[in-house]
C-alpha atoms as a PDB file:
ATOM      1  CA  MET A   1     196.320  65.049 103.375  1.00  0.00           C
ATOM      2  CA  ILE A   2     194.641  68.438 103.821  1.00  0.00           C
ATOM      3  CA  VAL A   3     191.414  67.036 102.365  1.00  0.00           C
ATOM      4  CA  ASP A   4     191.553  64.108 104.787  1.00  0.00           C
ATOM      5  CA  TYR A   5     192.129  66.454 107.710  1.00  0.00           C
ATOM      6  CA  PHE A   6     189.037  68.508 106.900  1.00  0.00           C
ATOM      7  CA  ARG A   7     186.977  65.472 105.979  1.00  0.00           C
ATOM      8  CA  LYS A   8     187.582  64.132 109.515  1.00  0.00           C
ATOM      9  CA  LYS A   9     186.442  67.453 111.019  1.00  0.00           C
ATOM     10  CA  ASN A  10     182.997  66.751 109.511  1.00  0.00           C
ATOM     11  CA  LEU A  11     182.100  70.437 109.237  1.00  0.00           C
ATOM     12  CA  ASP A  12     178.486  71.456 108.546  1.00  0.00           C
ATOM     13  CA  ASN A  13     177.593  74.054 105.919  1.00  0.00           C
ATOM     14  CA  LEU A  14     181.131  74.040 104.530  1.00  0.00           C
ATOM     15  CA  VAL A  15     182.068  76.043 101.429  1.00  0.00           C
ATOM     16  CA  VAL A  16     185.511  75.860  99.814  1.00  0.00           C
ATOM     17  CA  LEU A  17     186.788  79.256  98.721  1.00  0.00           C
ATOM     18  CA  SER A  18     189.543  80.149  96.284  1.00  0.00           C
ATOM     19  CA  PRO A  19     191.159  83.464  97.241  1.00  0.00           C
ATOM     20  CA  ASP A  20     191.851  84.231  93.569  1.00  0.00           C
ATOM     21  CA  VAL A  21     191.249  83.023  90.027  1.00  0.00           C
ATOM     22  CA  GLY A  22     194.672  81.341  89.907  1.00  0.00           C
ATOM     23  CA  GLY A  23     193.674  78.900  92.649  1.00  0.00           C
ATOM     24  CA  LEU A  24     190.236  78.103  91.261  1.00  0.00           C
ATOM     25  CA  ARG A  25     191.202  74.723  89.820  1.00  0.00           C
ATOM     26  CA  ARG A  26     192.701  73.618  93.156  1.00  0.00           C
ATOM     27  CA  ALA A  27     189.693  74.844  95.139  1.00  0.00           C
ATOM     28  CA  ARG A  28     187.280  73.203  92.702  1.00  0.00           C
ATOM     29  CA  THR A  29     189.034  69.874  93.275  1.00  0.00           C
ATOM     30  CA  TYR A  30     188.788  70.260  97.065  1.00  0.00           C
ATOM     31  CA  ALA A  31     185.113  71.201  96.809  1.00  0.00           C
ATOM     32  CA  ARG A  32     184.394  68.213  94.563  1.00  0.00           C
ATOM     33  CA  VAL A  33     186.172  65.742  96.844  1.00  0.00           C
ATOM     34  CA  LEU A  34     184.601  67.189  99.992  1.00  0.00           C
ATOM     35  CA  ARG A  35     181.226  67.365  98.188  1.00  0.00           C
ATOM     36  CA  VAL A  36     180.611  70.975  99.150  1.00  0.00           C
ATOM     37  CA  PRO A  37     179.892  74.210  97.251  1.00  0.00           C
ATOM     38  CA  LEU A  38     182.610  76.428  95.817  1.00  0.00           C
ATOM     39  CA  ALA A  39     183.098  80.191  96.099  1.00  0.00           C
ATOM     40  CA  ILE A  40     185.770  82.532  94.744  1.00  0.00           C
ATOM     41  CA  VAL A  41     187.119  85.947  95.607  1.00  0.00           C
ATOM     42  CA  ASP A  42     187.319  88.412  92.748  1.00  0.00           C
ATOM     43  CA  LYS A  43     190.322  90.627  93.509  1.00  0.00           C
ATOM     44  CA  ARG A  44     193.037  92.691  91.964  1.00  0.00           C
ATOM     45  CA  ARG A  45     196.558  93.619  93.028  1.00  0.00           C
ATOM     46  CA  PRO A  46     197.146  97.378  92.914  1.00  0.00           C
ATOM     47  CA  VAL A  47     200.790  96.764  93.939  1.00  0.00           C
ATOM     48  CA  VAL A  48     202.947  93.684  94.614  1.00  0.00           C
ATOM     49  CA  ASN A  49     202.021  91.762  97.820  1.00  0.00           C
ATOM     50  CA  GLU A  50     198.833  93.776  98.269  1.00  0.00           C
ATOM     51  CA  ALA A  51     195.376  92.512  97.393  1.00  0.00           C
ATOM     52  CA  GLU A  52     192.164  94.476  96.944  1.00  0.00           C
ATOM     53  CA  VAL A  53     189.034  92.350  97.119  1.00  0.00           C
ATOM     54  CA  ILE A  54     186.264  93.430  94.813  1.00  0.00           C
ATOM     55  CA  ASN A  55     183.578  90.763  95.158  1.00  0.00           C
ATOM     56  CA  ILE A  56     182.744  87.235  96.336  1.00  0.00           C
ATOM     57  CA  VAL A  57     181.144  84.847  93.884  1.00  0.00           C
ATOM     58  CA  GLY A  58     179.162  82.208  95.761  1.00  0.00           C
ATOM     59  CA  GLU A  59     177.076  81.970  98.932  1.00  0.00           C
ATOM     60  CA  VAL A  60     179.020  82.461 102.195  1.00  0.00           C
ATOM     61  CA  ARG A  61     176.456  83.885 104.635  1.00  0.00           C
ATOM     62  CA  GLY A  62     176.098  81.576 107.651  1.00  0.00           C
ATOM     63  CA  LYS A  63     178.606  79.116 106.169  1.00  0.00           C
ATOM     64  CA  GLN A  64     181.842  77.621 107.419  1.00  0.00           C
ATOM     65  CA  ILE A  65     184.506  78.601 104.907  1.00  0.00           C
ATOM     66  CA  LEU A  66     187.671  76.737 103.957  1.00  0.00           C
ATOM     67  CA  ILE A  67     190.070  79.027 102.085  1.00  0.00           C
ATOM     68  CA  ILE A  68     192.466  76.917 100.005  1.00  0.00           C
ATOM     69  CA  ASP A  69     195.725  78.257  98.585  1.00  0.00           C
ATOM     70  CA  ASP A  70     199.081  76.892  97.484  1.00  0.00           C
ATOM     71  CA  MET A  71     201.032  79.189  99.810  1.00  0.00           C
ATOM     72  CA  ILE A  72     200.645  81.929 102.366  1.00  0.00           C
ATOM     73  CA  ASP A  73     203.415  84.515 102.164  1.00  0.00           C
ATOM     74  CA  THR A  74     202.547  87.846 103.793  1.00  0.00           C
ATOM     75  CA  GLY A  75     198.958  86.793 104.478  1.00  0.00           C
ATOM     76  CA  GLY A  76     197.613  89.794 102.554  1.00  0.00           C
ATOM     77  CA  THR A  77     195.486  87.820 100.104  1.00  0.00           C
ATOM     78  CA  LEU A  78     194.142  85.557 102.836  1.00  0.00           C
ATOM     79  CA  LEU A  79     193.316  88.384 105.236  1.00  0.00           C
ATOM     80  CA  ALA A  80     191.677  90.473 102.511  1.00  0.00           C
ATOM     81  CA  ALA A  81     189.454  87.473 101.754  1.00  0.00           C
ATOM     82  CA  VAL A  82     188.719  86.998 105.475  1.00  0.00           C
ATOM     83  CA  ASP A  83     187.640  90.636 105.819  1.00  0.00           C
ATOM     84  CA  ILE A  84     185.127  90.442 102.986  1.00  0.00           C
ATOM     85  CA  LEU A  85     183.914  87.020 104.152  1.00  0.00           C
ATOM     86  CA  MET A  86     183.155  88.461 107.580  1.00  0.00           C
ATOM     87  CA  GLU A  87     181.426  91.473 105.985  1.00  0.00           C
ATOM     88  CA  ASN A  88     179.272  89.021 104.003  1.00  0.00           C
ATOM     89  CA  GLY A  89     178.208  87.010 107.053  1.00  0.00           C
ATOM     90  CA  ALA A  90     180.515  83.978 106.969  1.00  0.00           C
ATOM     91  CA  ASP A  91     180.293  81.971 110.176  1.00  0.00           C
ATOM     92  CA  THR A  92     183.645  80.251 110.777  1.00  0.00           C
ATOM     93  CA  ILE A  93     186.722  80.580 108.595  1.00  0.00           C
ATOM     94  CA  TYR A  94     189.474  78.021 108.146  1.00  0.00           C
ATOM     95  CA  ALA A  95     192.487  78.372 105.871  1.00  0.00           C
ATOM     96  CA  ALA A  96     194.817  75.776 104.387  1.00  0.00           C
ATOM     97  CA  CYS A  97     197.919  75.880 102.250  1.00  0.00           C
ATOM     98  CA  THR A  98     200.727  73.591 101.200  1.00  0.00           C
ATOM     99  CA  HIS A  99     203.614  76.033 101.638  1.00  0.00           C
ATOM    100  CA  PRO A 100     203.601  78.278 104.757  1.00  0.00           C
ATOM    101  CA  VAL A 101     206.122  80.984 103.829  1.00  0.00           C
ATOM    102  CA  PHE A 102     204.777  83.331 106.534  1.00  0.00           C
ATOM    103  CA  SER A 103     207.128  86.214 105.785  1.00  0.00           C
ATOM    104  CA  GLY A 104     207.299  89.366 107.879  1.00  0.00           C
ATOM    105  CA  ASN A 105     204.619  89.479 110.538  1.00  0.00           C
ATOM    106  CA  ALA A 106     202.194  87.141 108.743  1.00  0.00           C
ATOM    107  CA  LEU A 107     201.884  84.808 111.740  1.00  0.00           C
ATOM    108  CA  GLN A 108     201.059  87.665 114.085  1.00  0.00           C
ATOM    109  CA  LYS A 109     198.434  88.994 111.657  1.00  0.00           C
ATOM    110  CA  LEU A 110     196.888  85.526 111.347  1.00  0.00           C
ATOM    111  CA  ARG A 111     196.829  85.107 115.124  1.00  0.00           C
ATOM    112  CA  LYS A 112     194.861  88.360 115.495  1.00  0.00           C
ATOM    113  CA  SER A 113     192.488  87.539 112.631  1.00  0.00           C
ATOM    114  CA  PRO A 114     189.086  85.829 112.884  1.00  0.00           C
ATOM    115  CA  VAL A 115     190.510  82.715 111.153  1.00  0.00           C
ATOM    116  CA  LYS A 116     189.791  79.775 113.452  1.00  0.00           C
ATOM    117  CA  GLU A 117     192.566  77.493 112.175  1.00  0.00           C
ATOM    118  CA  VAL A 118     195.301  77.569 109.535  1.00  0.00           C
ATOM    119  CA  VAL A 119     196.296  74.116 108.291  1.00  0.00           C
ATOM    120  CA  VAL A 120     199.677  73.845 106.555  1.00  0.00           C
ATOM    121  CA  THR A 121     202.199  71.180 105.613  1.00  0.00           C
ATOM    122  CA  ASP A 122     205.823  70.983 106.668  1.00  0.00           C
ATOM    123  CA  THR A 123     207.238  71.525 103.168  1.00  0.00           C
ATOM    124  CA  ILE A 124     208.878  74.655 104.597  1.00  0.00           C
ATOM    125  CA  PRO A 125     210.411  74.583 108.098  1.00  0.00           C
ATOM    126  CA  LEU A 126     208.093  76.566 110.334  1.00  0.00           C
ATOM    127  CA  SER A 127     208.948  78.156 113.651  1.00  0.00           C
ATOM    128  CA  LEU A 128     205.729  78.773 115.524  1.00  0.00           C
ATOM    129  CA  ARG A 129     206.145  81.627 117.941  1.00  0.00           C
ATOM    130  CA  GLU A 130     204.202  81.707 121.180  1.00  0.00           C
ATOM    131  CA  GLY A 131     200.517  82.300 120.611  1.00  0.00           C
ATOM    132  CA  ASN A 132     200.344  80.683 117.162  1.00  0.00           C
ATOM    133  CA  GLU A 133     200.578  77.041 118.201  1.00  0.00           C
ATOM    134  CA  ASN A 134     196.818  76.679 118.678  1.00  0.00           C
ATOM    135  CA  LYS A 135     195.818  78.442 115.484  1.00  0.00           C
ATOM    136  CA  VAL A 136     198.306  76.767 113.107  1.00  0.00           C
ATOM    137  CA  LYS A 137     198.093  73.018 112.523  1.00  0.00           C
ATOM    138  CA  VAL A 138     201.100  71.499 110.728  1.00  0.00           C
ATOM    139  CA  LEU A 139     200.585  68.266 108.773  1.00  0.00           C
ATOM    140  CA  SER A 140     203.648  66.185 107.939  1.00  0.00           C
ATOM    141  CA  VAL A 141     204.364  65.269 104.322  1.00  0.00           C
ATOM    142  CA  ALA A 142     206.697  62.451 105.496  1.00  0.00           C
ATOM    143  CA  PRO A 143     204.141  59.633 104.985  1.00  0.00           C
ATOM    144  CA  LEU A 144     203.396  60.919 101.486  1.00  0.00           C
ATOM    145  CA  LEU A 145     207.081  61.121 100.567  1.00  0.00           C
ATOM    146  CA  GLY A 146     207.698  57.674 102.051  1.00  0.00           C
ATOM    147  CA  GLU A 147     204.887  56.188  99.986  1.00  0.00           C
ATOM    148  CA  ALA A 148     206.217  57.910  96.856  1.00  0.00           C
ATOM    149  CA  ILE A 149     209.695  56.438  97.427  1.00  0.00           C
ATOM    150  CA  LYS A 150     208.200  52.985  98.005  1.00  0.00           C
ATOM    151  CA  ARG A 151     206.163  53.218  94.795  1.00  0.00           C
ATOM    152  CA  ILE A 152     209.195  54.298  92.794  1.00  0.00           C
ATOM    153  CA  HIS A 153     211.126  51.259  94.043  1.00  0.00           C
ATOM    154  CA  GLN A 154     208.191  48.974  93.274  1.00  0.00           C
ATOM    155  CA  ASN A 155     207.706  50.525  89.810  1.00  0.00           C
ATOM    156  CA  MET A 156     204.205  51.710  90.747  1.00  0.00           C
ATOM    157  CA  SER A 157     202.362  54.920  89.942  1.00  0.00           C
ATOM    158  CA  VAL A 158     203.395  57.967  91.949  1.00  0.00           C
ATOM    159  CA  SER A 159     200.986  60.375  90.252  1.00  0.00           C
ATOM    160  CA  SER A 160     198.017  58.434  91.608  1.00  0.00           C
ATOM    161  CA  LEU A 161     199.046  59.618  95.095  1.00  0.00           C
ATOM    162  CA  PHE A 162     198.067  63.134  94.092  1.00  0.00           C
ATOM    163  CA  ASN A 163     194.681  62.385  92.537  1.00  0.00           C
ATOM    164  CA  ILE A 164     192.407  63.492  95.327  1.00  0.00           C
END
């Protein structure tokens, strides 16, 4: 559903970026399906919930960037990636994740950041405070779950729903 959302945006010069090595497989799949280049952030964590970006592998200058992750908790990893992307001349930055934990003041930090839009699903109930409604786009997983239930009852493949 996130792929479909960005496919419909028809963005020029798009690059999919993984904010860390752990998300590389996911980002590679998005890049392949969207038929765009892939980039990755080389980072380390000096302490828990804190990320230090070391390098970007891939071309980002003048590009629209889609940062893909499984979840956004404090926003530290995402915002560290955004900072280095901006330093390296990225044009527009989008972010997407499946699980929007948004702990602490993550939403406020995202609102103040240069990220144009954060696309999330409703796998976690999300209370958007004033000022975040325009930056955060919530996609419903209800149609996906409904189709999965239907396929189970019809003895059809459910895993094929997730082959993007």
